[in-house]
Amino acid sequence: MENAKLTENVILDVVDVGRDFKIGDGSVVSALKGINAEIESGKLTILRGRSGSGKTTLINIMGALDKPTSGKVMFDGKDITKLSEAKRDDLRRYEMAFVFQSVALMSGMTAYENVEFGLRLAGYPYKMRDKRVKEVLENVGLSKRMYHRPPEMSGGEQQRVAIARAIAHDPKIIFADEPTAELDTATGLHVVKLFKELVAQHGMTIIMTTHDPSMVEIADRVYTLEDGEIVE
């Protein structure tokens, strides 16, 4: 039965996923080749690999930002590769969240306003927004910086605002694509440890890509990609 979870605690199941791209001369490049992966609920999973290994292509397919050429992705018991664009938009808005290496914050808004704006987009109830914004900013250690704007913050603080915005509407899964790439190693490790705390204390499910080997020890599960294949 397709709508039943295939394995207990598996919130996202990647089944034989391939992704091909046509390039300028008409030839085809296979960015992903028969990928199989299981993402457990309440865990921090890392997709690691060098630039060009396919990890960003894979996380985009997992997060319904792209569709595979072959195979399927089961999310919470449903095949999301068969959904219409409108339903995929709803899925990303209400059940998923994204953190990118470019934090994409509104520079003219305070940390509080950036998080509150994200809640508005997700349709979060008006009367509950103020409490929720302050709660998640406290969760990421920014309760004393909530009325500062991004230009007044360090890179690590800006990334923590982006994480607060991502977790505020209580998504089922968070996708973080190279969230530490523009940070120094110490700050990057702090961000990953924050992810680990969110998993441990709040039961969140996080998938993160990285090419930095120093990050992988903190993960619950690691998939290593090389030339579009998992090589574990």
Protein backbone atom coordinates (compact mmCIF):
# COMPACT_ATOMS: atom_id res chain seq x y z
CA MET A 1 0.00 0.00 0.00
CA GLU A 2 1.73 3.17 -1.23
CA ASN A 3 0.49 5.50 1.51
CA ALA A 4 1.87 3.27 4.27
CA LYS A 5 5.32 3.98 5.65
CA LEU A 6 7.73 1.38 4.34
CA THR A 7 9.87 1.23 7.47
CA GLU A 8 9.09 2.38 10.98
CA ASN A 9 10.62 5.80 11.77
CA VAL A 10 11.59 6.42 8.14
CA ILE A 11 10.08 9.78 7.17
CA LEU A 12 11.72 10.02 3.74
CA ASP A 13 12.66 7.15 1.45
CA VAL A 14 14.68 7.64 -1.75
CA VAL A 15 14.13 4.72 -4.13
CA ASP A 16 16.37 4.13 -7.17
CA VAL A 17 16.57 7.86 -7.93
CA GLY A 18 18.40 9.00 -11.04
CA ARG A 19 18.72 12.52 -12.41
CA ASP A 20 19.96 13.33 -15.92
CA PHE A 21 20.72 16.75 -17.38
CA LYS A 22 21.08 17.68 -21.03
CA ILE A 23 24.06 19.90 -21.79
CA GLY A 24 24.74 22.28 -24.65
CA ASP A 25 25.85 19.77 -27.28
CA GLY A 26 22.76 17.62 -26.69
CA SER A 27 24.54 14.94 -24.70
CA VAL A 28 23.25 13.73 -21.33
CA VAL A 29 25.06 13.88 -18.00
CA SER A 30 23.89 11.63 -15.16
CA ALA A 31 24.13 13.67 -11.94
CA LEU A 32 22.57 10.87 -9.86
CA LYS A 33 22.60 7.14 -10.58
CA GLY A 34 20.25 4.75 -8.77
CA ILE A 35 20.34 6.44 -5.35
CA ASN A 36 18.72 4.63 -2.41
CA ALA A 37 18.59 6.25 1.02
CA GLU A 38 16.39 6.15 4.11
CA ILE A 39 16.02 9.23 6.32
CA GLU A 40 14.93 8.46 9.86
CA SER A 41 12.63 10.79 11.77
CA GLY A 42 14.27 12.67 14.64
CA LYS A 43 17.82 12.26 13.31
CA LEU A 44 20.56 14.43 11.79
CA THR A 45 21.57 12.94 8.44
CA ILE A 46 24.53 14.30 6.49
CA LEU A 47 25.07 13.97 2.74
CA ARG A 48 28.79 14.44 2.23
CA GLY A 49 30.88 14.69 -0.91
CA ARG A 50 33.10 16.94 -2.95
CA SER A 51 31.75 19.65 -5.24
CA GLY A 52 30.02 17.98 -8.19
CA SER A 53 29.35 14.72 -6.33
CA GLY A 54 25.56 15.13 -6.64
CA LYS A 55 24.67 15.99 -3.05
CA THR A 56 22.91 19.29 -3.88
CA THR A 57 20.98 17.63 -6.72
CA LEU A 58 19.91 14.92 -4.30
CA ILE A 59 18.81 17.28 -1.51
CA ASN A 60 16.84 19.34 -4.07
CA ILE A 61 14.96 16.20 -5.14
CA MET A 62 14.38 15.16 -1.53
CA GLY A 63 12.98 18.62 -0.79
CA ALA A 64 10.61 18.67 -3.81
CA LEU A 65 12.57 21.50 -5.46
CA ASP A 66 13.37 19.22 -8.41
CA LYS A 67 12.04 15.97 -9.86
CA PRO A 68 14.10 12.86 -10.60
CA THR A 69 14.45 11.45 -14.10
CA SER A 70 13.82 7.99 -12.66
CA GLY A 71 12.89 6.48 -9.31
CA LYS A 72 10.75 8.05 -6.61
CA VAL A 73 10.83 9.81 -3.25
CA MET A 74 8.40 8.78 -0.53
CA PHE A 75 7.83 11.49 2.08
CA ASP A 76 5.68 10.67 5.10
CA GLY A 77 4.18 7.77 3.15
CA LYS A 78 3.39 9.67 -0.07
CA ASP A 79 5.17 9.63 -3.43
CA ILE A 80 6.03 13.33 -3.80
CA THR A 81 7.42 12.88 -7.30
CA LYS A 82 3.85 12.40 -8.57
CA LEU A 83 2.41 15.54 -6.98
CA SER A 84 1.33 18.60 -9.00
CA GLU A 85 3.43 21.77 -8.76
CA ALA A 86 0.76 23.40 -6.56
CA LYS A 87 0.81 20.50 -4.10
CA ARG A 88 4.62 20.48 -4.11
CA ASP A 89 4.54 24.21 -3.27
CA ASP A 90 2.19 23.51 -0.36
CA LEU A 91 4.41 20.68 0.82
CA ARG A 92 7.47 22.94 0.91
CA ARG A 93 5.57 25.79 2.57
CA TYR A 94 3.89 23.87 5.37
CA GLU A 95 5.75 20.59 5.98
CA MET A 96 9.33 21.35 4.98
CA ALA A 97 11.91 24.05 5.65
CA PHE A 98 15.17 25.06 3.99
CA VAL A 99 18.46 26.59 5.16
CA PHE A 100 20.95 27.56 2.45
CA GLN A 101 24.58 28.71 2.58
CA SER A 102 23.32 32.14 1.53
CA VAL A 103 21.11 33.00 4.49
CA ALA A 104 18.66 35.04 2.36
CA LEU A 105 17.51 37.25 5.23
CA MET A 106 15.79 40.61 4.70
CA SER A 107 18.57 43.06 5.56
CA GLY A 108 16.14 45.84 6.52
CA MET A 109 14.26 43.62 8.98
CA THR A 110 15.31 42.66 12.50
CA ALA A 111 15.88 39.03 13.43
CA TYR A 112 12.42 39.05 15.04
CA GLU A 113 10.80 40.45 11.88
CA ASN A 114 12.59 37.95 9.61
CA VAL A 115 11.27 35.02 11.63
CA GLU A 116 7.79 36.53 11.97
CA PHE A 117 7.64 37.10 8.21
CA GLY A 118 8.41 33.42 7.63
CA LEU A 119 5.54 32.47 9.94
CA ARG A 120 3.20 34.75 8.02
CA LEU A 121 4.13 33.00 4.75
CA ALA A 122 3.45 29.62 6.37
CA GLY A 123 0.00 30.74 7.53
CA TYR A 124 0.87 30.49 11.23
CA PRO A 125 -1.94 31.82 13.48
CA TYR A 126 -1.52 35.56 14.18
CA LYS A 127 -2.16 35.36 17.93
CA MET A 128 0.56 32.74 18.39
CA ARG A 129 3.29 34.36 16.30
CA ASP A 130 4.90 36.64 18.90
CA LYS A 131 5.35 33.82 21.41
CA ARG A 132 6.67 31.43 18.74
CA VAL A 133 9.18 33.95 17.31
CA LYS A 134 10.67 34.63 20.76
CA GLU A 135 10.70 30.91 21.55
CA VAL A 136 12.70 29.86 18.47
CA LEU A 137 15.13 32.79 18.73
CA GLU A 138 15.79 31.68 22.29
CA ASN A 139 16.26 28.10 21.05
CA VAL A 140 19.08 29.25 18.75
CA GLY A 141 20.65 31.49 21.40
CA LEU A 142 19.60 34.85 19.98
CA SER A 143 17.03 36.12 22.48
CA LYS A 144 19.27 39.13 23.22
CA ARG A 145 19.82 39.88 19.51
CA MET A 146 16.24 39.61 18.24
CA TYR A 147 15.90 43.33 17.48
CA HIS A 148 19.18 43.57 15.57
CA ARG A 149 19.28 43.58 11.76
CA PRO A 150 21.47 41.15 9.76
CA PRO A 151 24.16 43.77 8.92
CA GLU A 152 24.66 44.22 12.69
CA MET A 153 25.27 40.48 13.16
CA SER A 154 28.12 38.05 12.53
CA GLY A 155 27.85 35.38 9.84
CA GLY A 156 27.17 32.73 12.46
CA GLU A 157 24.41 34.81 14.05
CA GLN A 158 22.80 35.39 10.66
CA GLN A 159 22.81 31.66 9.97
CA ARG A 160 21.17 31.06 13.36
CA VAL A 161 18.41 33.54 12.43
CA ALA A 162 17.91 31.57 9.20
CA ILE A 163 17.66 28.37 11.25
CA ALA A 164 15.15 29.98 13.63
CA ARG A 165 13.06 31.05 10.65
CA ALA A 166 13.22 27.51 9.24
CA ILE A 167 12.09 25.76 12.44
CA ALA A 168 9.47 28.32 13.51
CA HIS A 169 6.46 26.76 11.74
CA ASP A 170 7.40 23.31 13.13
CA PRO A 171 8.14 21.54 9.82
CA LYS A 172 8.38 17.77 9.62
CA ILE A 173 11.81 17.96 7.99
CA ILE A 174 14.54 20.57 7.49
CA PHE A 175 16.92 20.61 4.51
CA ALA A 176 20.22 22.46 4.97
CA ASP A 177 22.38 22.77 1.84
CA GLU A 178 25.99 23.65 2.75
CA PRO A 179 24.85 25.90 5.64
CA THR A 180 28.43 26.23 6.94
CA ALA A 181 30.21 26.81 3.62
CA GLU A 182 30.65 30.56 4.13
CA LEU A 183 31.59 30.28 7.82
CA ASP A 184 34.93 29.60 9.44
CA THR A 185 35.41 26.09 10.87
CA ALA A 186 34.70 26.98 14.51
CA THR A 187 31.51 28.89 13.64
CA GLY A 188 30.46 26.12 11.25
CA LEU A 189 30.86 23.49 13.95
CA HIS A 190 28.77 25.65 16.28
CA VAL A 191 25.96 25.71 13.70
CA VAL A 192 26.09 21.93 13.25
CA LYS A 193 26.08 21.41 17.03
CA LEU A 194 22.98 23.63 17.11
CA PHE A 195 21.34 21.29 14.58
CA LYS A 196 22.27 18.37 16.81
CA GLU A 197 20.71 20.10 19.84
CA LEU A 198 17.49 20.76 17.89
CA VAL A 199 17.35 17.07 16.99
CA ALA A 200 18.06 15.90 20.55
CA GLN A 201 15.84 18.37 22.40
CA HIS A 202 12.97 18.88 19.96
CA GLY A 203 12.98 15.69 17.89
CA MET A 204 13.57 17.52 14.62
CA THR A 205 14.58 15.75 11.41
CA ILE A 206 17.43 17.45 9.57
CA ILE A 207 19.23 16.60 6.32
CA MET A 208 22.41 18.56 5.68
CA THR A 209 24.94 18.57 2.86
CA THR A 210 28.60 19.31 3.42
CA HIS A 211 32.03 18.71 1.90
CA ASP A 212 33.73 19.35 5.26
CA PRO A 213 34.89 16.08 6.91
CA SER A 214 35.06 17.76 10.33
CA MET A 215 31.25 17.97 10.40
CA VAL A 216 30.40 14.31 9.92
CA GLU A 217 31.24 13.06 13.43
CA ILE A 218 28.21 14.92 14.80
CA ALA A 219 25.73 13.20 12.45
CA ASP A 220 23.49 10.26 13.32
CA ARG A 221 23.82 8.94 9.76
CA VAL A 222 26.15 9.81 6.89
CA TYR A 223 25.74 9.10 3.18
CA THR A 224 28.87 9.69 1.08
CA LEU A 225 28.34 10.61 -2.56
CA GLU A 226 30.89 10.33 -5.34
CA ASP A 227 30.13 10.90 -9.03
CA GLY A 228 26.39 10.65 -8.45
CA GLU A 229 26.48 7.42 -6.46
CA ILE A 230 26.46 6.49 -2.77
CA VAL A 231 29.83 4.89 -2.04
CA GLU A 232 29.49 3.69 1.55
